[in-house]
Amino acid sequence: MPDTADLTFPAALAEVFAIGFEWNWDEDTDESTGCDFEPYEQFEAPERTAWWFRLWTGNDEVDGAEFRFFGSTGAGDYAGCWLVRPDMPLAAQPIVYVGSEGETGVIARDLGDLLWIFANGSGPAEAFGQPTVDTAPNDEFRAIAERHAPGRNRSTAQIVADARNEYPGFSAFIDSLCR
């Protein structure tokens, strides 16, 4: 398992987060543009994950140690790595979405796939909730994805479908932790 004491992002994730995300809501049209995603400065500390994960699940016996969260939405939805692949580095772990209203799902098989979601113009919430919606590609994120995950360019819908096919039991796993 990856070292959970090290809160440093992998280089590719740090590059994307240094650029940042823009999100705008147009009250007149009731539509948004960009990605509703706020990356953290480092992975969330395990104590903080334990605190909110216990609240979210209603289960004082869990601590969320199998996750490394790296950001959230304005509504409080979380995105992070699910440490389910033993002996694999953090960048090889699947990326999950945990919504503030109980929604859960795997959105990318690994960090490389997440880079292409970002390059396609989506964030974790958009990939989870509307993976088939056309979004404006992000050229800066695309350059990072091409450098760190060359040859893996696919649509967000395909990336999410591949992840859900590989990890069909994620939501049931989370449900089993809830009280």
N, C-alpha and C. Protein backbone atom coordinates (compact mmCIF):
# COMPACT_ATOMS: atom_id res chain seq x y z
N MET A 1 0.84 -1.19 0.00
CA MET A 1 0.00 0.00 0.00
C MET A 1 0.88 1.25 0.00
N PRO A 2 0.38 2.30 -0.60
CA PRO A 2 1.14 3.56 -0.58
C PRO A 2 1.29 4.08 0.85
N ASP A 3 2.32 4.87 1.03
CA ASP A 3 2.60 5.47 2.34
C ASP A 3 1.53 6.51 2.64
N THR A 4 0.70 6.27 3.67
CA THR A 4 -0.37 7.20 4.00
C THR A 4 0.12 8.39 4.83
N ALA A 5 1.35 8.33 5.29
CA ALA A 5 1.91 9.47 6.05
C ALA A 5 2.38 10.58 5.11
N ASP A 6 2.71 10.22 3.87
CA ASP A 6 3.16 11.20 2.89
C ASP A 6 1.94 11.86 2.25
N LEU A 7 1.75 13.13 2.48
CA LEU A 7 0.58 13.85 1.97
C LEU A 7 0.86 14.59 0.67
N THR A 8 2.03 14.35 0.07
CA THR A 8 2.44 15.01 -1.16
C THR A 8 1.73 14.40 -2.36
N PHE A 9 1.26 15.26 -3.27
CA PHE A 9 0.62 14.78 -4.49
C PHE A 9 1.66 14.21 -5.46
N PRO A 10 1.26 13.21 -6.26
CA PRO A 10 2.12 12.79 -7.37
C PRO A 10 2.32 14.00 -8.31
N ALA A 11 3.43 14.03 -9.01
CA ALA A 11 3.80 15.18 -9.84
C ALA A 11 2.70 15.60 -10.81
N ALA A 12 2.07 14.66 -11.49
CA ALA A 12 1.04 15.00 -12.47
C ALA A 12 -0.14 15.70 -11.82
N LEU A 13 -0.57 15.22 -10.68
CA LEU A 13 -1.69 15.83 -9.98
C LEU A 13 -1.31 17.23 -9.49
N ALA A 14 -0.10 17.38 -8.99
CA ALA A 14 0.38 18.69 -8.54
C ALA A 14 0.41 19.68 -9.70
N GLU A 15 0.79 19.22 -10.89
CA GLU A 15 0.82 20.11 -12.06
C GLU A 15 -0.57 20.62 -12.41
N VAL A 16 -1.54 19.71 -12.42
CA VAL A 16 -2.93 20.10 -12.72
C VAL A 16 -3.43 21.07 -11.67
N PHE A 17 -3.21 20.76 -10.41
CA PHE A 17 -3.73 21.58 -9.33
C PHE A 17 -3.06 22.95 -9.27
N ALA A 18 -1.82 23.05 -9.75
CA ALA A 18 -1.15 24.35 -9.80
C ALA A 18 -1.83 25.27 -10.81
N ILE A 19 -2.41 24.70 -11.84
CA ILE A 19 -3.15 25.49 -12.83
C ILE A 19 -4.50 25.89 -12.25
N GLY A 20 -5.18 24.93 -11.63
CA GLY A 20 -6.46 25.21 -11.00
C GLY A 20 -7.65 25.04 -11.92
N PHE A 21 -8.83 25.23 -11.35
CA PHE A 21 -10.09 25.02 -12.05
C PHE A 21 -10.95 26.26 -11.98
N GLU A 22 -11.68 26.51 -13.05
CA GLU A 22 -12.63 27.61 -13.07
C GLU A 22 -14.03 27.04 -13.14
N TRP A 23 -14.93 27.64 -12.38
CA TRP A 23 -16.32 27.23 -12.39
C TRP A 23 -17.18 28.48 -12.25
N ASN A 24 -18.16 28.60 -13.11
CA ASN A 24 -19.06 29.76 -13.07
C ASN A 24 -20.50 29.30 -13.19
N TRP A 25 -21.37 29.97 -12.44
CA TRP A 25 -22.80 29.68 -12.48
C TRP A 25 -23.50 30.90 -13.03
N ASP A 26 -24.31 30.70 -14.07
CA ASP A 26 -25.09 31.77 -14.68
C ASP A 26 -26.51 31.67 -14.14
N GLU A 27 -26.88 32.58 -13.26
CA GLU A 27 -28.21 32.54 -12.65
C GLU A 27 -29.32 32.78 -13.66
N ASP A 28 -29.04 33.53 -14.71
CA ASP A 28 -30.06 33.81 -15.72
C ASP A 28 -30.42 32.55 -16.52
N THR A 29 -29.41 31.78 -16.89
CA THR A 29 -29.67 30.57 -17.68
C THR A 29 -29.75 29.31 -16.82
N ASP A 30 -29.40 29.43 -15.53
CA ASP A 30 -29.39 28.29 -14.61
C ASP A 30 -28.45 27.19 -15.11
N GLU A 31 -27.29 27.62 -15.65
CA GLU A 31 -26.30 26.69 -16.17
C GLU A 31 -24.92 27.05 -15.65
N SER A 32 -24.07 26.03 -15.61
CA SER A 32 -22.70 26.25 -15.16
C SER A 32 -21.72 25.99 -16.29
N THR A 33 -20.53 26.55 -16.15
CA THR A 33 -19.43 26.26 -17.06
C THR A 33 -18.20 25.96 -16.22
N GLY A 34 -17.35 25.12 -16.74
CA GLY A 34 -16.12 24.77 -16.03
C GLY A 34 -16.34 23.58 -15.11
N CYS A 35 -15.42 23.43 -14.15
CA CYS A 35 -15.43 22.31 -13.21
C CYS A 35 -15.63 22.81 -11.80
N ASP A 36 -16.63 22.28 -11.13
CA ASP A 36 -16.85 22.60 -9.72
C ASP A 36 -15.94 21.68 -8.91
N PHE A 37 -14.69 22.11 -8.75
CA PHE A 37 -13.72 21.30 -8.04
C PHE A 37 -12.69 22.19 -7.37
N GLU A 38 -12.45 21.92 -6.10
CA GLU A 38 -11.49 22.69 -5.32
C GLU A 38 -10.42 21.74 -4.78
N PRO A 39 -9.26 21.70 -5.44
CA PRO A 39 -8.20 20.80 -4.96
C PRO A 39 -7.61 21.29 -3.64
N TYR A 40 -7.20 20.34 -2.84
CA TYR A 40 -6.50 20.67 -1.60
C TYR A 40 -5.04 21.01 -1.92
N GLU A 41 -4.33 21.52 -0.93
CA GLU A 41 -2.92 21.82 -1.10
C GLU A 41 -2.06 20.56 -1.00
N GLN A 42 -2.61 19.54 -0.35
CA GLN A 42 -1.97 18.23 -0.22
C GLN A 42 -3.09 17.24 0.07
N PHE A 43 -2.76 15.94 0.09
CA PHE A 43 -3.79 14.97 0.45
C PHE A 43 -4.35 15.30 1.83
N GLU A 44 -5.62 15.05 1.99
CA GLU A 44 -6.25 15.28 3.29
C GLU A 44 -5.57 14.40 4.34
N ALA A 45 -5.32 14.97 5.51
CA ALA A 45 -4.69 14.23 6.61
C ALA A 45 -5.60 13.08 7.05
N PRO A 46 -5.02 11.93 7.36
CA PRO A 46 -5.83 10.78 7.77
C PRO A 46 -6.79 11.06 8.93
N GLU A 47 -6.38 11.91 9.86
CA GLU A 47 -7.26 12.23 11.00
C GLU A 47 -8.51 12.97 10.52
N ARG A 48 -8.34 13.86 9.58
CA ARG A 48 -9.47 14.61 9.02
C ARG A 48 -10.39 13.68 8.24
N THR A 49 -9.80 12.79 7.44
CA THR A 49 -10.60 11.82 6.70
C THR A 49 -11.40 10.96 7.66
N ALA A 50 -10.76 10.49 8.72
CA ALA A 50 -11.45 9.65 9.71
C ALA A 50 -12.63 10.39 10.31
N TRP A 51 -12.43 11.65 10.66
CA TRP A 51 -13.49 12.44 11.29
C TRP A 51 -14.73 12.54 10.40
N TRP A 52 -14.53 13.01 9.14
CA TRP A 52 -15.70 13.21 8.30
C TRP A 52 -16.26 11.90 7.79
N PHE A 53 -15.40 10.88 7.56
CA PHE A 53 -15.89 9.60 7.06
C PHE A 53 -16.80 8.93 8.09
N ARG A 54 -16.46 9.07 9.35
CA ARG A 54 -17.33 8.54 10.41
C ARG A 54 -18.66 9.27 10.42
N LEU A 55 -18.65 10.58 10.25
CA LEU A 55 -19.89 11.35 10.17
C LEU A 55 -20.71 10.94 8.95
N TRP A 56 -20.05 10.82 7.82
CA TRP A 56 -20.72 10.53 6.56
C TRP A 56 -21.36 9.15 6.59
N THR A 57 -20.65 8.17 7.15
CA THR A 57 -21.18 6.80 7.19
C THR A 57 -22.07 6.54 8.40
N GLY A 58 -21.97 7.39 9.44
CA GLY A 58 -22.69 7.13 10.68
C GLY A 58 -22.12 5.95 11.43
N ASN A 59 -20.85 5.63 11.15
CA ASN A 59 -20.21 4.43 11.69
C ASN A 59 -18.91 4.83 12.39
N ASP A 60 -18.91 4.77 13.72
CA ASP A 60 -17.72 5.14 14.50
C ASP A 60 -16.59 4.12 14.40
N GLU A 61 -16.83 2.99 13.77
CA GLU A 61 -15.82 1.94 13.68
C GLU A 61 -14.98 2.03 12.42
N VAL A 62 -15.28 2.96 11.52
CA VAL A 62 -14.50 3.11 10.28
C VAL A 62 -13.65 4.36 10.37
N ASP A 63 -12.57 4.40 9.59
CA ASP A 63 -11.72 5.58 9.60
C ASP A 63 -11.36 6.10 8.20
N GLY A 64 -11.84 5.42 7.15
CA GLY A 64 -11.55 5.88 5.80
C GLY A 64 -10.10 5.73 5.40
N ALA A 65 -9.34 4.88 6.11
CA ALA A 65 -7.91 4.72 5.83
C ALA A 65 -7.65 4.18 4.42
N GLU A 66 -8.66 3.62 3.79
CA GLU A 66 -8.48 3.09 2.44
C GLU A 66 -8.63 4.17 1.37
N PHE A 67 -8.71 5.44 1.80
CA PHE A 67 -8.86 6.55 0.87
C PHE A 67 -7.81 7.62 1.10
N ARG A 68 -7.45 8.33 0.03
CA ARG A 68 -6.58 9.50 0.08
C ARG A 68 -7.29 10.59 -0.73
N PHE A 69 -8.01 11.47 -0.04
CA PHE A 69 -8.80 12.49 -0.72
C PHE A 69 -7.94 13.70 -1.08
N PHE A 70 -8.17 14.23 -2.29
CA PHE A 70 -7.35 15.32 -2.79
C PHE A 70 -8.13 16.58 -3.15
N GLY A 71 -9.46 16.55 -3.00
CA GLY A 71 -10.23 17.74 -3.30
C GLY A 71 -11.71 17.52 -3.08
N SER A 72 -12.46 18.61 -3.19
CA SER A 72 -13.90 18.54 -3.00
C SER A 72 -14.59 19.57 -3.88
N THR A 73 -15.91 19.47 -3.94
CA THR A 73 -16.71 20.45 -4.68
C THR A 73 -17.23 21.49 -3.70
N GLY A 74 -17.85 22.51 -4.21
CA GLY A 74 -18.44 23.52 -3.35
C GLY A 74 -19.55 22.97 -2.48
N ALA A 75 -20.17 21.87 -2.91
CA ALA A 75 -21.25 21.25 -2.15
C ALA A 75 -20.73 20.27 -1.10
N GLY A 76 -19.42 20.03 -1.09
CA GLY A 76 -18.85 19.12 -0.10
C GLY A 76 -18.68 17.69 -0.58
N ASP A 77 -18.75 17.46 -1.88
CA ASP A 77 -18.48 16.13 -2.44
C ASP A 77 -16.97 15.93 -2.48
N TYR A 78 -16.52 14.72 -2.20
CA TYR A 78 -15.10 14.42 -2.14
C TYR A 78 -14.63 13.62 -3.35
N ALA A 79 -13.36 13.80 -3.72
CA ALA A 79 -12.71 13.00 -4.75
C ALA A 79 -11.35 12.57 -4.22
N GLY A 80 -11.00 11.33 -4.51
CA GLY A 80 -9.71 10.84 -4.05
C GLY A 80 -9.38 9.46 -4.56
N CYS A 81 -8.29 8.94 -4.07
CA CYS A 81 -7.80 7.63 -4.44
C CYS A 81 -8.37 6.58 -3.48
N TRP A 82 -8.75 5.45 -4.03
CA TRP A 82 -9.21 4.31 -3.24
C TRP A 82 -8.05 3.32 -3.22
N LEU A 83 -7.45 3.09 -2.09
CA LEU A 83 -6.26 2.25 -1.98
C LEU A 83 -6.66 0.77 -1.94
N VAL A 84 -7.06 0.27 -3.09
CA VAL A 84 -7.58 -1.09 -3.19
C VAL A 84 -6.62 -2.05 -3.92
N ARG A 85 -5.63 -1.52 -4.59
CA ARG A 85 -4.68 -2.35 -5.32
C ARG A 85 -3.43 -2.54 -4.46
N PRO A 86 -3.32 -3.68 -3.78
CA PRO A 86 -2.16 -3.91 -2.90
C PRO A 86 -0.85 -3.82 -3.68
N ASP A 87 0.14 -3.28 -3.04
CA ASP A 87 1.49 -3.19 -3.59
C ASP A 87 1.59 -2.37 -4.87
N MET A 88 0.62 -1.52 -5.11
CA MET A 88 0.67 -0.64 -6.28
C MET A 88 0.83 0.80 -5.79
N PRO A 89 1.52 1.63 -6.58
CA PRO A 89 1.71 3.03 -6.17
C PRO A 89 0.39 3.80 -6.20
N LEU A 90 0.40 4.94 -5.57
CA LEU A 90 -0.78 5.78 -5.48
C LEU A 90 -1.35 6.11 -6.86
N ALA A 91 -0.50 6.40 -7.81
CA ALA A 91 -0.95 6.77 -9.15
C ALA A 91 -1.67 5.63 -9.86
N ALA A 92 -1.53 4.40 -9.39
CA ALA A 92 -2.18 3.24 -10.00
C ALA A 92 -3.50 2.87 -9.33
N GLN A 93 -3.90 3.62 -8.31
CA GLN A 93 -5.13 3.33 -7.58
C GLN A 93 -6.33 4.00 -8.26
N PRO A 94 -7.51 3.39 -8.17
CA PRO A 94 -8.69 4.01 -8.78
C PRO A 94 -9.09 5.30 -8.07
N ILE A 95 -9.78 6.15 -8.83
CA ILE A 95 -10.23 7.45 -8.33
C ILE A 95 -11.74 7.35 -8.07
N VAL A 96 -12.15 7.79 -6.87
CA VAL A 96 -13.55 7.68 -6.48
C VAL A 96 -14.16 9.03 -6.18
N TYR A 97 -15.47 9.02 -6.21
CA TYR A 97 -16.29 10.20 -5.91
C TYR A 97 -17.23 9.81 -4.78
N VAL A 98 -17.26 10.63 -3.74
CA VAL A 98 -18.15 10.41 -2.60
C VAL A 98 -18.96 11.69 -2.42
N GLY A 99 -20.23 11.64 -2.79
CA GLY A 99 -21.08 12.82 -2.76
C GLY A 99 -21.63 13.15 -1.39
N SER A 100 -21.94 14.40 -1.19
CA SER A 100 -22.45 14.86 0.09
C SER A 100 -23.85 14.32 0.39
N GLU A 101 -24.55 13.87 -0.64
CA GLU A 101 -25.90 13.33 -0.46
C GLU A 101 -25.93 11.81 -0.55
N GLY A 102 -24.77 11.16 -0.43
CA GLY A 102 -24.72 9.70 -0.43
C GLY A 102 -24.36 9.06 -1.76
N GLU A 103 -24.13 9.84 -2.80
CA GLU A 103 -23.75 9.28 -4.08
C GLU A 103 -22.31 8.78 -4.01
N THR A 104 -22.04 7.65 -4.63
CA THR A 104 -20.68 7.12 -4.65
C THR A 104 -20.41 6.44 -5.98
N GLY A 105 -19.16 6.47 -6.40
CA GLY A 105 -18.80 5.75 -7.60
C GLY A 105 -17.33 5.90 -7.93
N VAL A 106 -16.84 4.94 -8.68
CA VAL A 106 -15.48 5.01 -9.22
C VAL A 106 -15.58 5.78 -10.52
N ILE A 107 -14.71 6.77 -10.71
CA ILE A 107 -14.77 7.58 -11.93
C ILE A 107 -13.57 7.39 -12.85
N ALA A 108 -12.48 6.81 -12.34
CA ALA A 108 -11.29 6.59 -13.18
C ALA A 108 -10.52 5.40 -12.62
N ARG A 109 -9.94 4.61 -13.50
CA ARG A 109 -9.19 3.43 -13.06
C ARG A 109 -7.90 3.80 -12.36
N ASP A 110 -7.37 5.00 -12.65
CA ASP A 110 -6.11 5.43 -12.05
C ASP A 110 -5.89 6.91 -12.34
N LEU A 111 -4.77 7.42 -11.89
CA LEU A 111 -4.47 8.84 -12.07
C LEU A 111 -4.36 9.21 -13.55
N GLY A 112 -3.81 8.34 -14.38
CA GLY A 112 -3.72 8.63 -15.81
C GLY A 112 -5.08 8.88 -16.42
N ASP A 113 -6.08 8.05 -16.07
CA ASP A 113 -7.43 8.27 -16.58
C ASP A 113 -8.01 9.58 -16.05
N LEU A 114 -7.75 9.90 -14.78
CA LEU A 114 -8.24 11.15 -14.23
C LEU A 114 -7.65 12.35 -14.99
N LEU A 115 -6.39 12.26 -15.35
CA LEU A 115 -5.77 13.35 -16.12
C LEU A 115 -6.54 13.59 -17.42
N TRP A 116 -6.99 12.51 -18.07
CA TRP A 116 -7.74 12.67 -19.31
C TRP A 116 -9.15 13.20 -19.06
N ILE A 117 -9.75 12.88 -17.92
CA ILE A 117 -11.03 13.50 -17.56
C ILE A 117 -10.84 15.01 -17.46
N PHE A 118 -9.79 15.43 -16.76
CA PHE A 118 -9.49 16.86 -16.66
C PHE A 118 -9.23 17.46 -18.03
N ALA A 119 -8.46 16.78 -18.86
CA ALA A 119 -8.14 17.28 -20.20
C ALA A 119 -9.40 17.43 -21.05
N ASN A 120 -10.37 16.55 -20.82
CA ASN A 120 -11.64 16.61 -21.55
C ASN A 120 -12.53 17.76 -21.08
N GLY A 121 -12.14 18.42 -19.98
CA GLY A 121 -12.90 19.55 -19.49
C GLY A 121 -13.87 19.23 -18.37
N SER A 122 -13.76 18.03 -17.81
CA SER A 122 -14.63 17.65 -16.70
C SER A 122 -13.84 17.58 -15.41
N GLY A 123 -14.54 17.69 -14.30
CA GLY A 123 -13.99 17.44 -12.98
C GLY A 123 -14.62 16.18 -12.42
N PRO A 124 -14.30 15.80 -11.21
CA PRO A 124 -14.88 14.59 -10.62
C PRO A 124 -16.41 14.61 -10.57
N ALA A 125 -17.01 15.72 -10.18
CA ALA A 125 -18.48 15.77 -10.08
C ALA A 125 -19.12 15.63 -11.46
N GLU A 126 -18.56 16.30 -12.45
CA GLU A 126 -19.10 16.21 -13.80
C GLU A 126 -18.94 14.81 -14.36
N ALA A 127 -17.78 14.20 -14.11
CA ALA A 127 -17.54 12.83 -14.58
C ALA A 127 -18.51 11.85 -13.93
N PHE A 128 -18.76 12.04 -12.65
CA PHE A 128 -19.68 11.15 -11.95
C PHE A 128 -21.13 11.35 -12.40
N GLY A 129 -21.57 12.59 -12.42
CA GLY A 129 -22.98 12.87 -12.66
C GLY A 129 -23.40 12.98 -14.11
N GLN A 130 -22.50 13.42 -14.96
CA GLN A 130 -22.84 13.63 -16.37
C GLN A 130 -21.67 13.30 -17.28
N PRO A 131 -21.22 12.05 -17.29
CA PRO A 131 -20.02 11.72 -18.07
C PRO A 131 -20.21 11.85 -19.58
N THR A 132 -21.45 11.85 -20.07
CA THR A 132 -21.66 11.92 -21.52
C THR A 132 -21.83 13.34 -22.03
N VAL A 133 -21.90 14.33 -21.13
CA VAL A 133 -22.09 15.72 -21.55
C VAL A 133 -20.80 16.24 -22.19
N ASP A 134 -20.94 16.90 -23.32
CA ASP A 134 -19.77 17.51 -23.97
C ASP A 134 -19.31 18.71 -23.15
N THR A 135 -18.03 18.75 -22.88
CA THR A 135 -17.43 19.86 -22.15
C THR A 135 -16.31 20.44 -22.99
N ALA A 136 -15.91 21.65 -22.66
CA ALA A 136 -14.84 22.31 -23.41
C ALA A 136 -13.49 21.74 -22.95
N PRO A 137 -12.74 21.13 -23.87
CA PRO A 137 -11.43 20.58 -23.50
C PRO A 137 -10.50 21.65 -22.94
N ASN A 138 -9.59 21.22 -22.10
CA ASN A 138 -8.63 22.13 -21.48
C ASN A 138 -7.24 21.81 -22.04
N ASP A 139 -6.69 22.71 -22.83
CA ASP A 139 -5.41 22.47 -23.51
C ASP A 139 -4.25 22.31 -22.53
N GLU A 140 -4.25 23.08 -21.44
CA GLU A 140 -3.16 22.96 -20.46
C GLU A 140 -3.20 21.59 -19.79
N PHE A 141 -4.40 21.13 -19.43
CA PHE A 141 -4.52 19.81 -18.81
C PHE A 141 -4.21 18.70 -19.82
N ARG A 142 -4.56 18.95 -21.08
CA ARG A 142 -4.26 17.96 -22.12
C ARG A 142 -2.75 17.74 -22.25
N ALA A 143 -1.99 18.81 -22.20
CA ALA A 143 -0.53 18.70 -22.30
C ALA A 143 0.02 17.86 -21.13
N ILE A 144 -0.54 18.05 -19.95
CA ILE A 144 -0.11 17.25 -18.79
C ILE A 144 -0.50 15.79 -18.98
N ALA A 145 -1.72 15.55 -19.45
CA ALA A 145 -2.18 14.17 -19.68
C ALA A 145 -1.32 13.48 -20.74
N GLU A 146 -0.99 14.18 -21.80
CA GLU A 146 -0.16 13.59 -22.86
C GLU A 146 1.23 13.25 -22.35
N ARG A 147 1.75 14.06 -21.44
CA ARG A 147 3.08 13.82 -20.88
C ARG A 147 3.07 12.64 -19.90
N HIS A 148 2.04 12.57 -19.03
CA HIS A 148 2.03 11.58 -17.96
C HIS A 148 1.22 10.31 -18.28
N ALA A 149 0.33 10.38 -19.26
CA ALA A 149 -0.50 9.22 -19.62
C ALA A 149 -0.69 9.19 -21.14
N PRO A 150 0.42 9.11 -21.89
CA PRO A 150 0.33 9.16 -23.35
C PRO A 150 -0.44 7.96 -23.91
N GLY A 151 -1.18 8.23 -24.98
CA GLY A 151 -1.90 7.17 -25.67
C GLY A 151 -3.16 6.69 -24.96
N ARG A 152 -3.59 7.38 -23.93
CA ARG A 152 -4.76 6.93 -23.18
C ARG A 152 -5.96 7.85 -23.34
N ASN A 153 -5.92 8.73 -24.32
CA ASN A 153 -7.00 9.68 -24.55
C ASN A 153 -8.28 8.94 -24.95
N ARG A 154 -9.31 9.11 -24.14
CA ARG A 154 -10.64 8.57 -24.42
C ARG A 154 -11.66 9.58 -23.92
N SER A 155 -12.89 9.40 -24.31
CA SER A 155 -13.93 10.29 -23.82
C SER A 155 -14.13 10.07 -22.32
N THR A 156 -14.65 11.09 -21.66
CA THR A 156 -14.95 10.96 -20.23
C THR A 156 -15.93 9.82 -20.01
N ALA A 157 -16.92 9.70 -20.87
CA ALA A 157 -17.90 8.61 -20.73
C ALA A 157 -17.22 7.25 -20.78
N GLN A 158 -16.26 7.07 -21.68
CA GLN A 158 -15.56 5.78 -21.79
C GLN A 158 -14.67 5.54 -20.58
N ILE A 159 -14.00 6.56 -20.11
CA ILE A 159 -13.14 6.42 -18.93
C ILE A 159 -13.96 6.00 -17.72
N VAL A 160 -15.09 6.66 -17.50
CA VAL A 160 -15.96 6.33 -16.37
C VAL A 160 -16.54 4.93 -16.53
N ALA A 161 -16.98 4.58 -17.73
CA ALA A 161 -17.54 3.24 -17.97
C ALA A 161 -16.48 2.16 -17.70
N ASP A 162 -15.26 2.38 -18.15
CA ASP A 162 -14.18 1.41 -17.91
C ASP A 162 -13.93 1.24 -16.40
N ALA A 163 -13.94 2.35 -15.68
CA ALA A 163 -13.70 2.31 -14.23
C ALA A 163 -14.84 1.58 -13.52
N ARG A 164 -16.05 1.88 -13.89
CA ARG A 164 -17.21 1.23 -13.25
C ARG A 164 -17.25 -0.26 -13.57
N ASN A 165 -16.83 -0.62 -14.78
CA ASN A 165 -16.77 -2.04 -15.14
C ASN A 165 -15.71 -2.78 -14.34
N GLU A 166 -14.59 -2.12 -14.09
CA GLU A 166 -13.50 -2.77 -13.34
C GLU A 166 -13.82 -2.86 -11.85
N TYR A 167 -14.59 -1.91 -11.33
CA TYR A 167 -14.91 -1.87 -9.90
C TYR A 167 -16.42 -1.77 -9.67
N PRO A 168 -17.17 -2.79 -10.08
CA PRO A 168 -18.64 -2.69 -9.95
C PRO A 168 -19.14 -2.74 -8.51
N GLY A 169 -18.33 -3.19 -7.56
CA GLY A 169 -18.78 -3.34 -6.18
C GLY A 169 -18.46 -2.17 -5.27
N PHE A 170 -17.95 -1.06 -5.81
CA PHE A 170 -17.55 0.04 -4.94
C PHE A 170 -18.71 0.59 -4.12
N SER A 171 -19.82 0.91 -4.75
CA SER A 171 -20.95 1.49 -4.01
C SER A 171 -21.49 0.52 -2.96
N ALA A 172 -21.52 -0.76 -3.27
CA ALA A 172 -21.97 -1.76 -2.29
C ALA A 172 -20.99 -1.81 -1.11
N PHE A 173 -19.70 -1.68 -1.40
CA PHE A 173 -18.70 -1.65 -0.33
C PHE A 173 -18.96 -0.46 0.59
N ILE A 174 -19.17 0.70 0.02
CA ILE A 174 -19.44 1.89 0.84
C ILE A 174 -20.73 1.71 1.62
N ASP A 175 -21.77 1.20 0.97
CA ASP A 175 -23.04 0.97 1.65
C ASP A 175 -22.87 0.04 2.85
N SER A 176 -21.98 -0.93 2.73
CA SER A 176 -21.77 -1.88 3.81
C SER A 176 -21.13 -1.22 5.04
N LEU A 177 -20.49 -0.08 4.85
CA LEU A 177 -19.86 0.64 5.95
C LEU A 177 -20.83 1.59 6.66
N CYS A 178 -21.92 1.92 5.99
CA CYS A 178 -22.87 2.90 6.53
C CYS A 178 -23.80 2.26 7.56
N ARG A 179 -24.15 3.05 8.56
CA ARG A 179 -25.09 2.59 9.59
C ARG A 179 -26.34 3.40 9.55
